[in-house]
Structure formats: structure tokens, C-alpha cells
Amino acid sequence: MKQTSIQKKAFVKKGNTIVIDESIFEDIARGDKVAFSQLYEASSKAIYAYLLTYVKNPEDAADLMQDTYLKIRSAAGLYKPYGKPMAWIFTIARNLALMKLRKDTAHPQEELSEIVASRENPQEQVENKMILSAAMEILSPEDYRIVMLHAVSGMKHREIAELMGLSLTNTVNRYNRALKKLKKQIGGDHYE
């Protein structure tokens, strides 16, 4: 008897890294809602953080994240296993973000009011908003993306380097320099 996706887990967690079973895309292509839900659970936080680095607006990032999963659902049958399912997902997300940016070049950016989780106390929310706003203004888009992917989504530097087409050394150095810039600008111990 064939094992259903309800019985199998579509991903495993190794430290902060999530490893997705590539067969999940076959299940999704067949309309398996549980497999789709598991993929969403495994990857949505990282995808949201990644999209936020492009559009810098929580609502737009959430909309693009939903569009990304709709695209995944419709294109799951086209996925070719090559060992990097998150790279495929990030490529879809990036392409959608770039299309939106081209289409909305005159769209004003809104505040980062919804980035901070509602469970945090008000003092932490204010501090985190200030840090994120400063990061957007101070850092280059690439450095901001590296910081957000590592700090918000929990991706490892190695994964970020691969995703962005950078060397691991370059990624780690840019991350550390970005944190130093932020610490100098903000003048606090938030990033120690």
C-alpha cells in the first residue's frame, strides 16, 4: 500500500535549516492539499522574509508570498529534482517580486508596522521597528537582504550565499559589516 502524504513528513529540520523532500512537488501536482500545507509550513517564513527584502512593505510581501505559493501549486508538475527545492521556490518568489517592482516603481513604501510579531512587548516592537527602518536606509539592498534572511528567516550564511550567488566568505563579511554599520548608527547593543 502506498504511503500517503498524511503519513509522511515533507520536510526535516536540521538545526535551523529545513530540508524539503523533493517528492512533495509530485504530491502537490496531484492535488495533495496536505503536501501543499506542509510545504507552506516549512518554507513560508523564509519566503516572506526574502520577499520583504525586495518590496520592503509587509502587505506587499504577504501578497507576493501568496502569489508564490499559487505559482508553486500550478507549476509543481514542472519541478525537476536537482537537490535544491528552496532555490526553485526562491527563484519563483524573486521573479514575482521583480515583476511587481517594475510594475509599481512609483508605489510609495509604507511603514514596517507589521514586521514585528504581535506577541512582543511594545518596547521591543518599537526597538525592532527602529532597527529595521535603519537597516533599510543604511544598508545596500544586497546587505539588507543578507541581514533579513539570516536574522528574520534563520537561514544559514551558506544557504544565503548559494541563493544570492556569492561566496560564503563574502556573505559572512557583508553580514558582519552590515551589523557594525547598524550598531554604529543605532548606538546600541542590539546586534551583539
N, C-alpha and C. Protein backbone atom coordinates (compact mmCIF):
# COMPACT_ATOMS: atom_id res chain seq x y z
N MET A 1 0.84 -1.19 0.00
CA MET A 1 0.00 0.00 0.00
C MET A 1 0.88 1.24 0.00
N LYS A 2 0.55 2.19 -0.87
CA LYS A 2 1.34 3.41 -0.99
C LYS A 2 1.11 4.32 0.22
N GLN A 3 2.18 4.89 0.69
CA GLN A 3 2.12 5.80 1.83
C GLN A 3 1.55 7.14 1.37
N THR A 4 0.58 7.67 2.07
CA THR A 4 0.01 8.96 1.70
C THR A 4 0.82 10.07 2.34
N SER A 5 0.63 11.29 1.81
CA SER A 5 1.38 12.42 2.35
C SER A 5 0.97 12.75 3.78
N ILE A 6 -0.20 12.27 4.19
CA ILE A 6 -0.62 12.49 5.57
C ILE A 6 0.31 11.72 6.50
N GLN A 7 0.78 10.55 6.03
CA GLN A 7 1.64 9.71 6.86
C GLN A 7 3.10 10.12 6.79
N LYS A 8 3.52 10.79 5.75
CA LYS A 8 4.93 11.14 5.65
C LYS A 8 5.14 12.63 5.89
N LYS A 9 6.31 12.98 6.31
CA LYS A 9 6.65 14.36 6.57
C LYS A 9 7.39 14.90 5.35
N ALA A 10 6.99 16.06 4.83
CA ALA A 10 7.55 16.63 3.61
C ALA A 10 8.89 17.30 3.85
N PHE A 11 9.25 17.50 5.10
CA PHE A 11 10.50 18.19 5.39
C PHE A 11 11.06 17.69 6.71
N VAL A 12 12.35 17.88 6.87
CA VAL A 12 13.00 17.59 8.14
C VAL A 12 13.77 18.83 8.54
N LYS A 13 13.91 19.03 9.81
CA LYS A 13 14.62 20.19 10.30
C LYS A 13 15.98 19.74 10.81
N LYS A 14 17.04 20.33 10.27
CA LYS A 14 18.40 20.05 10.71
C LYS A 14 18.95 21.37 11.25
N GLY A 15 18.89 21.52 12.56
CA GLY A 15 19.27 22.80 13.16
C GLY A 15 18.25 23.85 12.74
N ASN A 16 18.73 24.96 12.19
CA ASN A 16 17.84 26.00 11.66
C ASN A 16 17.50 25.78 10.20
N THR A 17 18.10 24.75 9.58
CA THR A 17 17.89 24.51 8.17
C THR A 17 16.75 23.54 7.96
N ILE A 18 15.90 23.85 7.01
CA ILE A 18 14.80 22.96 6.67
C ILE A 18 15.14 22.28 5.35
N VAL A 19 15.11 20.97 5.36
CA VAL A 19 15.39 20.20 4.17
C VAL A 19 14.07 19.64 3.66
N ILE A 20 13.71 20.04 2.45
CA ILE A 20 12.42 19.64 1.88
C ILE A 20 12.59 18.40 1.01
N ASP A 21 11.72 17.42 1.20
CA ASP A 21 11.70 16.22 0.38
C ASP A 21 11.15 16.61 -0.99
N GLU A 22 11.96 16.44 -2.02
CA GLU A 22 11.58 16.89 -3.36
C GLU A 22 10.36 16.17 -3.93
N SER A 23 10.04 15.02 -3.41
CA SER A 23 8.85 14.30 -3.91
C SER A 23 7.56 15.03 -3.56
N ILE A 24 7.66 16.02 -2.67
CA ILE A 24 6.47 16.79 -2.29
C ILE A 24 5.85 17.48 -3.50
N PHE A 25 6.68 17.86 -4.47
CA PHE A 25 6.15 18.56 -5.64
C PHE A 25 5.30 17.64 -6.51
N GLU A 26 5.63 16.35 -6.54
CA GLU A 26 4.79 15.38 -7.26
C GLU A 26 3.43 15.28 -6.57
N ASP A 27 3.46 15.25 -5.23
CA ASP A 27 2.21 15.18 -4.46
C ASP A 27 1.36 16.43 -4.69
N ILE A 28 2.01 17.58 -4.68
CA ILE A 28 1.29 18.84 -4.90
C ILE A 28 0.70 18.87 -6.31
N ALA A 29 1.45 18.41 -7.29
CA ALA A 29 0.97 18.38 -8.67
C ALA A 29 -0.27 17.49 -8.80
N ARG A 30 -0.37 16.46 -7.96
CA ARG A 30 -1.54 15.57 -7.97
C ARG A 30 -2.69 16.16 -7.16
N GLY A 31 -2.51 17.34 -6.58
CA GLY A 31 -3.58 18.00 -5.83
C GLY A 31 -3.61 17.66 -4.35
N ASP A 32 -2.54 17.12 -3.81
CA ASP A 32 -2.47 16.75 -2.40
C ASP A 32 -2.40 18.01 -1.54
N LYS A 33 -3.48 18.33 -0.86
CA LYS A 33 -3.55 19.54 -0.05
C LYS A 33 -2.68 19.47 1.21
N VAL A 34 -2.52 18.27 1.75
CA VAL A 34 -1.67 18.10 2.93
C VAL A 34 -0.21 18.39 2.57
N ALA A 35 0.23 17.89 1.44
CA ALA A 35 1.60 18.14 0.99
C ALA A 35 1.83 19.63 0.78
N PHE A 36 0.85 20.29 0.15
CA PHE A 36 0.96 21.73 -0.08
C PHE A 36 1.03 22.47 1.25
N SER A 37 0.21 22.07 2.21
CA SER A 37 0.20 22.69 3.53
C SER A 37 1.54 22.48 4.23
N GLN A 38 2.12 21.30 4.09
CA GLN A 38 3.42 21.03 4.71
C GLN A 38 4.52 21.88 4.08
N LEU A 39 4.48 22.03 2.77
CA LEU A 39 5.47 22.87 2.10
C LEU A 39 5.34 24.31 2.59
N TYR A 40 4.12 24.79 2.69
CA TYR A 40 3.88 26.15 3.17
C TYR A 40 4.42 26.31 4.59
N GLU A 41 4.12 25.36 5.44
CA GLU A 41 4.58 25.40 6.83
C GLU A 41 6.11 25.42 6.90
N ALA A 42 6.74 24.65 6.05
CA ALA A 42 8.19 24.53 6.08
C ALA A 42 8.91 25.76 5.55
N SER A 43 8.31 26.45 4.60
CA SER A 43 9.06 27.49 3.88
C SER A 43 8.50 28.90 3.95
N SER A 44 7.32 29.10 4.45
CA SER A 44 6.68 30.42 4.36
C SER A 44 7.43 31.53 5.09
N LYS A 45 8.00 31.24 6.24
CA LYS A 45 8.71 32.28 6.99
C LYS A 45 9.91 32.79 6.20
N ALA A 46 10.66 31.87 5.62
CA ALA A 46 11.84 32.26 4.83
C ALA A 46 11.42 33.01 3.57
N ILE A 47 10.36 32.58 2.92
CA ILE A 47 9.90 33.23 1.70
C ILE A 47 9.41 34.64 2.01
N TYR A 48 8.66 34.79 3.09
CA TYR A 48 8.17 36.12 3.47
C TYR A 48 9.34 37.07 3.73
N ALA A 49 10.31 36.62 4.52
CA ALA A 49 11.47 37.46 4.82
C ALA A 49 12.22 37.83 3.54
N TYR A 50 12.38 36.88 2.66
CA TYR A 50 13.07 37.12 1.40
C TYR A 50 12.32 38.15 0.55
N LEU A 51 11.02 38.00 0.42
CA LEU A 51 10.23 38.95 -0.36
C LEU A 51 10.24 40.34 0.28
N LEU A 52 10.25 40.39 1.59
CA LEU A 52 10.28 41.67 2.29
C LEU A 52 11.55 42.44 1.97
N THR A 53 12.64 41.74 1.69
CA THR A 53 13.88 42.42 1.33
C THR A 53 13.77 43.10 -0.03
N TYR A 54 12.88 42.65 -0.86
CA TYR A 54 12.68 43.28 -2.17
C TYR A 54 11.67 44.42 -2.08
N VAL A 55 10.49 44.15 -1.54
CA VAL A 55 9.42 45.15 -1.59
C VAL A 55 9.36 46.06 -0.37
N LYS A 56 9.99 45.65 0.73
CA LYS A 56 10.09 46.46 1.94
C LYS A 56 8.74 46.94 2.47
N ASN A 57 7.72 46.19 2.21
CA ASN A 57 6.37 46.53 2.64
C ASN A 57 5.69 45.23 3.07
N PRO A 58 5.26 45.13 4.32
CA PRO A 58 4.69 43.88 4.82
C PRO A 58 3.49 43.36 4.01
N GLU A 59 2.60 44.26 3.64
CA GLU A 59 1.42 43.83 2.89
C GLU A 59 1.79 43.30 1.51
N ASP A 60 2.69 44.01 0.83
CA ASP A 60 3.13 43.56 -0.49
C ASP A 60 3.87 42.24 -0.40
N ALA A 61 4.70 42.09 0.63
CA ALA A 61 5.43 40.83 0.82
C ALA A 61 4.46 39.68 1.06
N ALA A 62 3.43 39.92 1.86
CA ALA A 62 2.43 38.87 2.12
C ALA A 62 1.68 38.51 0.84
N ASP A 63 1.31 39.52 0.06
CA ASP A 63 0.61 39.26 -1.21
C ASP A 63 1.50 38.46 -2.17
N LEU A 64 2.76 38.87 -2.26
CA LEU A 64 3.69 38.17 -3.15
C LEU A 64 3.95 36.74 -2.66
N MET A 65 3.96 36.56 -1.34
CA MET A 65 4.15 35.22 -0.80
C MET A 65 2.99 34.32 -1.23
N GLN A 66 1.78 34.84 -1.15
CA GLN A 66 0.63 34.05 -1.58
C GLN A 66 0.70 33.76 -3.08
N ASP A 67 1.10 34.75 -3.86
CA ASP A 67 1.27 34.53 -5.31
C ASP A 67 2.34 33.47 -5.58
N THR A 68 3.38 33.48 -4.77
CA THR A 68 4.45 32.49 -4.92
C THR A 68 3.90 31.08 -4.72
N TYR A 69 3.10 30.90 -3.69
CA TYR A 69 2.54 29.56 -3.43
C TYR A 69 1.50 29.15 -4.47
N LEU A 70 0.77 30.12 -5.00
CA LEU A 70 -0.16 29.79 -6.10
C LEU A 70 0.62 29.33 -7.32
N LYS A 71 1.73 30.01 -7.59
CA LYS A 71 2.59 29.64 -8.72
C LYS A 71 3.20 28.26 -8.50
N ILE A 72 3.63 27.99 -7.27
CA ILE A 72 4.19 26.68 -6.94
C ILE A 72 3.14 25.60 -7.18
N ARG A 73 1.94 25.86 -6.70
CA ARG A 73 0.86 24.87 -6.87
C ARG A 73 0.60 24.59 -8.34
N SER A 74 0.59 25.62 -9.16
CA SER A 74 0.28 25.40 -10.58
C SER A 74 1.46 24.84 -11.36
N ALA A 75 2.68 25.08 -10.88
CA ALA A 75 3.88 24.63 -11.61
C ALA A 75 4.56 23.43 -10.97
N ALA A 76 4.00 22.86 -9.92
CA ALA A 76 4.65 21.77 -9.20
C ALA A 76 4.99 20.59 -10.11
N GLY A 77 4.15 20.32 -11.09
CA GLY A 77 4.41 19.22 -12.01
C GLY A 77 5.62 19.47 -12.91
N LEU A 78 6.05 20.71 -13.02
CA LEU A 78 7.21 21.05 -13.86
C LEU A 78 8.52 20.99 -13.08
N TYR A 79 8.44 20.84 -11.76
CA TYR A 79 9.65 20.81 -10.94
C TYR A 79 10.52 19.62 -11.32
N LYS A 80 11.79 19.89 -11.53
CA LYS A 80 12.78 18.84 -11.84
C LYS A 80 13.69 18.69 -10.63
N PRO A 81 13.70 17.52 -9.99
CA PRO A 81 14.55 17.32 -8.81
C PRO A 81 16.03 17.47 -9.14
N TYR A 82 16.67 18.38 -8.45
CA TYR A 82 18.10 18.57 -8.61
C TYR A 82 18.76 18.87 -7.26
N GLY A 83 18.02 18.61 -6.19
CA GLY A 83 18.60 18.74 -4.86
C GLY A 83 18.44 20.09 -4.19
N LYS A 84 17.76 21.04 -4.83
CA LYS A 84 17.65 22.37 -4.24
C LYS A 84 16.23 22.93 -4.40
N PRO A 85 15.27 22.35 -3.69
CA PRO A 85 13.89 22.84 -3.84
C PRO A 85 13.70 24.27 -3.36
N MET A 86 14.42 24.69 -2.31
CA MET A 86 14.26 26.07 -1.84
C MET A 86 14.79 27.06 -2.86
N ALA A 87 15.82 26.70 -3.59
CA ALA A 87 16.33 27.59 -4.65
C ALA A 87 15.25 27.80 -5.71
N TRP A 88 14.52 26.75 -6.05
CA TRP A 88 13.44 26.85 -7.03
C TRP A 88 12.34 27.77 -6.50
N ILE A 89 11.99 27.60 -5.23
CA ILE A 89 10.95 28.43 -4.62
C ILE A 89 11.40 29.90 -4.55
N PHE A 90 12.64 30.12 -4.13
CA PHE A 90 13.17 31.48 -4.06
C PHE A 90 13.22 32.13 -5.44
N THR A 91 13.51 31.36 -6.47
CA THR A 91 13.53 31.91 -7.83
C THR A 91 12.14 32.38 -8.23
N ILE A 92 11.14 31.59 -7.93
CA ILE A 92 9.75 32.00 -8.23
C ILE A 92 9.43 33.28 -7.47
N ALA A 93 9.76 33.32 -6.18
CA ALA A 93 9.47 34.49 -5.35
C ALA A 93 10.19 35.72 -5.88
N ARG A 94 11.47 35.57 -6.21
CA ARG A 94 12.25 36.71 -6.72
C ARG A 94 11.66 37.23 -8.02
N ASN A 95 11.31 36.34 -8.92
CA ASN A 95 10.74 36.77 -10.20
C ASN A 95 9.44 37.54 -10.00
N LEU A 96 8.59 37.06 -9.11
CA LEU A 96 7.34 37.78 -8.83
C LEU A 96 7.62 39.15 -8.20
N ALA A 97 8.60 39.21 -7.29
CA ALA A 97 8.94 40.49 -6.65
C ALA A 97 9.48 41.47 -7.68
N LEU A 98 10.35 41.01 -8.56
CA LEU A 98 10.91 41.90 -9.57
C LEU A 98 9.84 42.39 -10.54
N MET A 99 8.90 41.52 -10.90
CA MET A 99 7.80 41.95 -11.77
C MET A 99 6.97 43.03 -11.07
N LYS A 100 6.71 42.84 -9.78
CA LYS A 100 5.93 43.84 -9.03
C LYS A 100 6.69 45.16 -8.96
N LEU A 101 7.98 45.10 -8.70
CA LEU A 101 8.77 46.33 -8.60
C LEU A 101 8.80 47.08 -9.93
N ARG A 102 8.90 46.34 -11.02
CA ARG A 102 8.87 47.00 -12.33
C ARG A 102 7.52 47.65 -12.59
N LYS A 103 6.47 46.96 -12.18
CA LYS A 103 5.11 47.46 -12.40
C LYS A 103 4.77 48.63 -11.48
N ASP A 104 5.29 48.61 -10.27
CA ASP A 104 4.93 49.60 -9.25
C ASP A 104 6.06 50.55 -8.89
N THR A 105 6.85 50.97 -9.81
CA THR A 105 8.01 51.79 -9.47
C THR A 105 7.63 53.07 -8.75
N ALA A 106 6.44 53.57 -8.96
CA ALA A 106 6.03 54.82 -8.31
C ALA A 106 5.26 54.57 -7.01
N HIS A 107 5.07 53.31 -6.63
CA HIS A 107 4.29 52.98 -5.42
C HIS A 107 5.06 53.40 -4.17
N PRO A 108 4.48 54.27 -3.32
CA PRO A 108 5.19 54.70 -2.11
C PRO A 108 5.33 53.55 -1.10
N GLN A 109 6.46 53.51 -0.43
CA GLN A 109 6.71 52.47 0.57
C GLN A 109 6.01 52.85 1.87
N GLU A 110 5.38 51.88 2.51
CA GLU A 110 4.70 52.12 3.78
C GLU A 110 5.62 51.75 4.94
N GLU A 111 5.17 52.09 6.13
CA GLU A 111 5.95 51.79 7.33
C GLU A 111 6.03 50.29 7.55
N LEU A 112 7.00 49.89 8.35
CA LEU A 112 7.22 48.47 8.65
C LEU A 112 6.43 48.04 9.88
N SER A 113 5.24 48.56 10.05
CA SER A 113 4.48 48.36 11.28
C SER A 113 4.10 46.91 11.55
N GLU A 114 3.99 46.07 10.53
CA GLU A 114 3.54 44.70 10.77
C GLU A 114 4.67 43.68 10.75
N ILE A 115 5.91 44.11 10.63
CA ILE A 115 7.01 43.16 10.58
C ILE A 115 7.22 42.49 11.94
N VAL A 116 7.11 43.27 13.00
CA VAL A 116 7.39 42.76 14.33
C VAL A 116 6.21 41.93 14.81
N ALA A 117 6.47 40.79 15.35
CA ALA A 117 5.40 39.91 15.81
C ALA A 117 4.60 40.57 16.91
N SER A 118 3.28 40.32 16.90
CA SER A 118 2.40 40.98 17.86
C SER A 118 2.59 40.45 19.28
N ARG A 119 3.28 39.32 19.44
CA ARG A 119 3.49 38.75 20.78
C ARG A 119 4.55 39.49 21.57
N GLU A 120 5.37 40.29 20.91
CA GLU A 120 6.42 41.01 21.62
C GLU A 120 5.82 42.15 22.42
N ASN A 121 6.53 42.55 23.46
CA ASN A 121 6.02 43.67 24.24
C ASN A 121 6.20 44.96 23.44
N PRO A 122 5.45 46.00 23.76
CA PRO A 122 5.51 47.26 22.98
C PRO A 122 6.90 47.86 22.89
N GLN A 123 7.70 47.77 23.95
CA GLN A 123 9.05 48.33 23.91
C GLN A 123 9.89 47.61 22.86
N GLU A 124 9.81 46.27 22.80
CA GLU A 124 10.57 45.51 21.81
C GLU A 124 10.08 45.82 20.40
N GLN A 125 8.77 46.02 20.24
CA GLN A 125 8.23 46.35 18.93
C GLN A 125 8.83 47.66 18.42
N VAL A 126 8.87 48.66 19.27
CA VAL A 126 9.40 49.97 18.88
C VAL A 126 10.88 49.84 18.52
N GLU A 127 11.64 49.13 19.35
CA GLU A 127 13.07 48.95 19.08
C GLU A 127 13.29 48.22 17.76
N ASN A 128 12.54 47.14 17.54
CA ASN A 128 12.71 46.37 16.31
C ASN A 128 12.31 47.16 15.07
N LYS A 129 11.27 47.96 15.18
CA LYS A 129 10.87 48.80 14.04
C LYS A 129 11.98 49.80 13.71
N MET A 130 12.57 50.38 14.75
CA MET A 130 13.65 51.34 14.53
C MET A 130 14.84 50.67 13.86
N ILE A 131 15.18 49.48 14.32
CA ILE A 131 16.31 48.75 13.74
C ILE A 131 16.05 48.41 12.28
N LEU A 132 14.85 47.90 11.99
CA LEU A 132 14.52 47.54 10.61
C LEU A 132 14.47 48.77 9.70
N SER A 133 13.92 49.85 10.19
CA SER A 133 13.88 51.08 9.40
C SER A 133 15.29 51.60 9.13
N ALA A 134 16.13 51.56 10.16
CA ALA A 134 17.51 52.00 9.98
C ALA A 134 18.23 51.10 9.00
N ALA A 135 17.99 49.82 9.09
CA ALA A 135 18.64 48.87 8.17
C ALA A 135 18.27 49.17 6.73
N MET A 136 17.01 49.48 6.47
CA MET A 136 16.57 49.79 5.11
C MET A 136 17.25 51.04 4.58
N GLU A 137 17.46 52.02 5.44
CA GLU A 137 18.05 53.29 5.00
C GLU A 137 19.57 53.22 4.88
N ILE A 138 20.21 52.49 5.78
CA ILE A 138 21.67 52.49 5.86
C ILE A 138 22.32 51.49 4.91
N LEU A 139 21.73 50.32 4.80
CA LEU A 139 22.37 49.22 4.08
C LEU A 139 22.01 49.20 2.60
N SER A 140 22.91 48.64 1.82
CA SER A 140 22.61 48.42 0.41
C SER A 140 21.52 47.36 0.33
N PRO A 141 20.78 47.29 -0.76
CA PRO A 141 19.72 46.27 -0.87
C PRO A 141 20.25 44.84 -0.67
N GLU A 142 21.46 44.57 -1.17
CA GLU A 142 22.01 43.22 -1.02
C GLU A 142 22.36 42.92 0.44
N ASP A 143 22.98 43.89 1.11
CA ASP A 143 23.34 43.69 2.52
C ASP A 143 22.08 43.58 3.38
N TYR A 144 21.08 44.38 3.09
CA TYR A 144 19.80 44.31 3.81
C TYR A 144 19.20 42.92 3.63
N ARG A 145 19.25 42.40 2.42
CA ARG A 145 18.71 41.08 2.11
C ARG A 145 19.45 40.00 2.92
N ILE A 146 20.77 40.11 3.00
CA ILE A 146 21.56 39.14 3.75
C ILE A 146 21.18 39.18 5.23
N VAL A 147 21.07 40.38 5.80
CA VAL A 147 20.72 40.51 7.21
C VAL A 147 19.32 39.96 7.47
N MET A 148 18.36 40.31 6.63
CA MET A 148 16.99 39.84 6.83
C MET A 148 16.89 38.33 6.70
N LEU A 149 17.54 37.77 5.71
CA LEU A 149 17.47 36.32 5.51
C LEU A 149 18.08 35.57 6.68
N HIS A 150 19.16 36.12 7.24
CA HIS A 150 19.80 35.43 8.36
C HIS A 150 19.05 35.70 9.67
N ALA A 151 18.77 36.96 9.95
CA ALA A 151 18.19 37.33 11.24
C ALA A 151 16.70 37.01 11.35
N VAL A 152 15.95 37.22 10.28
CA VAL A 152 14.50 37.03 10.35
C VAL A 152 14.10 35.60 9.99
N SER A 153 14.64 35.09 8.88
CA SER A 153 14.19 33.77 8.45
C SER A 153 15.05 32.65 8.99
N GLY A 154 16.20 32.98 9.59
CA GLY A 154 17.04 31.96 10.19
C GLY A 154 17.87 31.15 9.21
N MET A 155 18.01 31.64 7.99
CA MET A 155 18.82 30.92 7.01
C MET A 155 20.29 31.00 7.41
N LYS A 156 21.02 29.95 7.08
CA LYS A 156 22.46 29.93 7.35
C LYS A 156 23.17 30.73 6.27
N HIS A 157 24.35 31.24 6.63
CA HIS A 157 25.13 32.03 5.67
C HIS A 157 25.42 31.25 4.39
N ARG A 158 25.68 29.96 4.53
CA ARG A 158 25.95 29.12 3.37
C ARG A 158 24.76 29.11 2.41
N GLU A 159 23.55 29.01 2.96
CA GLU A 159 22.34 28.99 2.15
C GLU A 159 22.12 30.35 1.47
N ILE A 160 22.38 31.41 2.20
CA ILE A 160 22.23 32.76 1.65
C ILE A 160 23.23 32.98 0.53
N ALA A 161 24.46 32.54 0.74
CA ALA A 161 25.50 32.68 -0.28
C ALA A 161 25.08 31.97 -1.56
N GLU A 162 24.59 30.76 -1.42
CA GLU A 162 24.15 29.99 -2.58
C GLU A 162 22.98 30.67 -3.28
N LEU A 163 22.02 31.13 -2.51
CA LEU A 163 20.85 31.79 -3.07
C LEU A 163 21.21 33.06 -3.83
N MET A 164 22.14 33.85 -3.27
CA MET A 164 22.47 35.13 -3.86
C MET A 164 23.64 35.06 -4.84
N GLY A 165 24.23 33.88 -4.99
CA GLY A 165 25.33 33.73 -5.93
C GLY A 165 26.62 34.37 -5.45
N LEU A 166 26.83 34.36 -4.13
CA LEU A 166 28.02 34.94 -3.53
C LEU A 166 28.84 33.84 -2.88
N SER A 167 30.10 34.15 -2.57
CA SER A 167 30.90 33.18 -1.83
C SER A 167 30.47 33.23 -0.36
N LEU A 168 30.73 32.16 0.35
CA LEU A 168 30.39 32.12 1.77
C LEU A 168 31.15 33.20 2.53
N THR A 169 32.42 33.37 2.23
CA THR A 169 33.23 34.39 2.89
C THR A 169 32.66 35.79 2.66
N ASN A 170 32.30 36.07 1.42
CA ASN A 170 31.72 37.37 1.08
C ASN A 170 30.42 37.60 1.84
N THR A 171 29.59 36.57 1.91
CA THR A 171 28.31 36.68 2.61
C THR A 171 28.52 36.97 4.09
N VAL A 172 29.39 36.22 4.74
CA VAL A 172 29.65 36.41 6.16
C VAL A 172 30.26 37.80 6.41
N ASN A 173 31.21 38.20 5.57
CA ASN A 173 31.83 39.51 5.73
C ASN A 173 30.80 40.63 5.56
N ARG A 174 29.95 40.52 4.55
CA ARG A 174 28.93 41.56 4.33
C ARG A 174 27.95 41.60 5.50
N TYR A 175 27.58 40.45 6.02
CA TYR A 175 26.68 40.39 7.17
C TYR A 175 27.32 41.10 8.37
N ASN A 176 28.57 40.76 8.67
CA ASN A 176 29.25 41.37 9.81
C ASN A 176 29.44 42.87 9.64
N ARG A 177 29.81 43.31 8.42
CA ARG A 177 29.95 44.76 8.18
C ARG A 177 28.60 45.46 8.32
N ALA A 178 27.54 44.83 7.84
CA ALA A 178 26.21 45.42 7.95
C ALA A 178 25.82 45.58 9.41
N LEU A 179 26.10 44.58 10.23
CA LEU A 179 25.77 44.68 11.65
C LEU A 179 26.57 45.79 12.32
N LYS A 180 27.84 45.93 11.94
CA LYS A 180 28.66 47.00 12.51
C LYS A 180 28.11 48.37 12.12
N LYS A 181 27.69 48.52 10.86
CA LYS A 181 27.08 49.79 10.41
C LYS A 181 25.84 50.09 11.23
N LEU A 182 24.99 49.09 11.39
CA LEU A 182 23.75 49.29 12.15
C LEU A 182 24.05 49.64 13.60
N LYS A 183 24.98 48.92 14.20
CA LYS A 183 25.31 49.18 15.60
C LYS A 183 25.86 50.59 15.76
N LYS A 184 26.70 51.00 14.84
CA LYS A 184 27.27 52.35 14.90
C LYS A 184 26.16 53.40 14.75
N GLN A 185 25.25 53.17 13.81
CA GLN A 185 24.17 54.13 13.56
C GLN A 185 23.17 54.19 14.71
N ILE A 186 22.82 53.03 15.22
CA ILE A 186 21.81 52.96 16.27
C ILE A 186 22.42 53.23 17.64
N GLY A 187 23.69 52.82 17.78
CA GLY A 187 24.38 53.09 19.03
C GLY A 187 23.96 52.19 20.18
N GLY A 188 23.45 51.02 19.87
CA GLY A 188 23.03 50.11 20.92
C GLY A 188 23.69 48.76 20.82
N ASP A 189 23.28 47.87 21.67
CA ASP A 189 23.84 46.52 21.70
C ASP A 189 22.87 45.50 21.11
N HIS A 190 22.03 45.91 20.20
CA HIS A 190 21.01 45.02 19.64
C HIS A 190 21.59 43.86 18.86
N TYR A 191 22.76 44.03 18.29
CA TYR A 191 23.28 43.01 17.38
C TYR A 191 24.50 42.29 17.92
N GLU A 192 24.71 42.32 19.20
CA GLU A 192 25.87 41.62 19.74
C GLU A 192 25.54 40.18 19.97
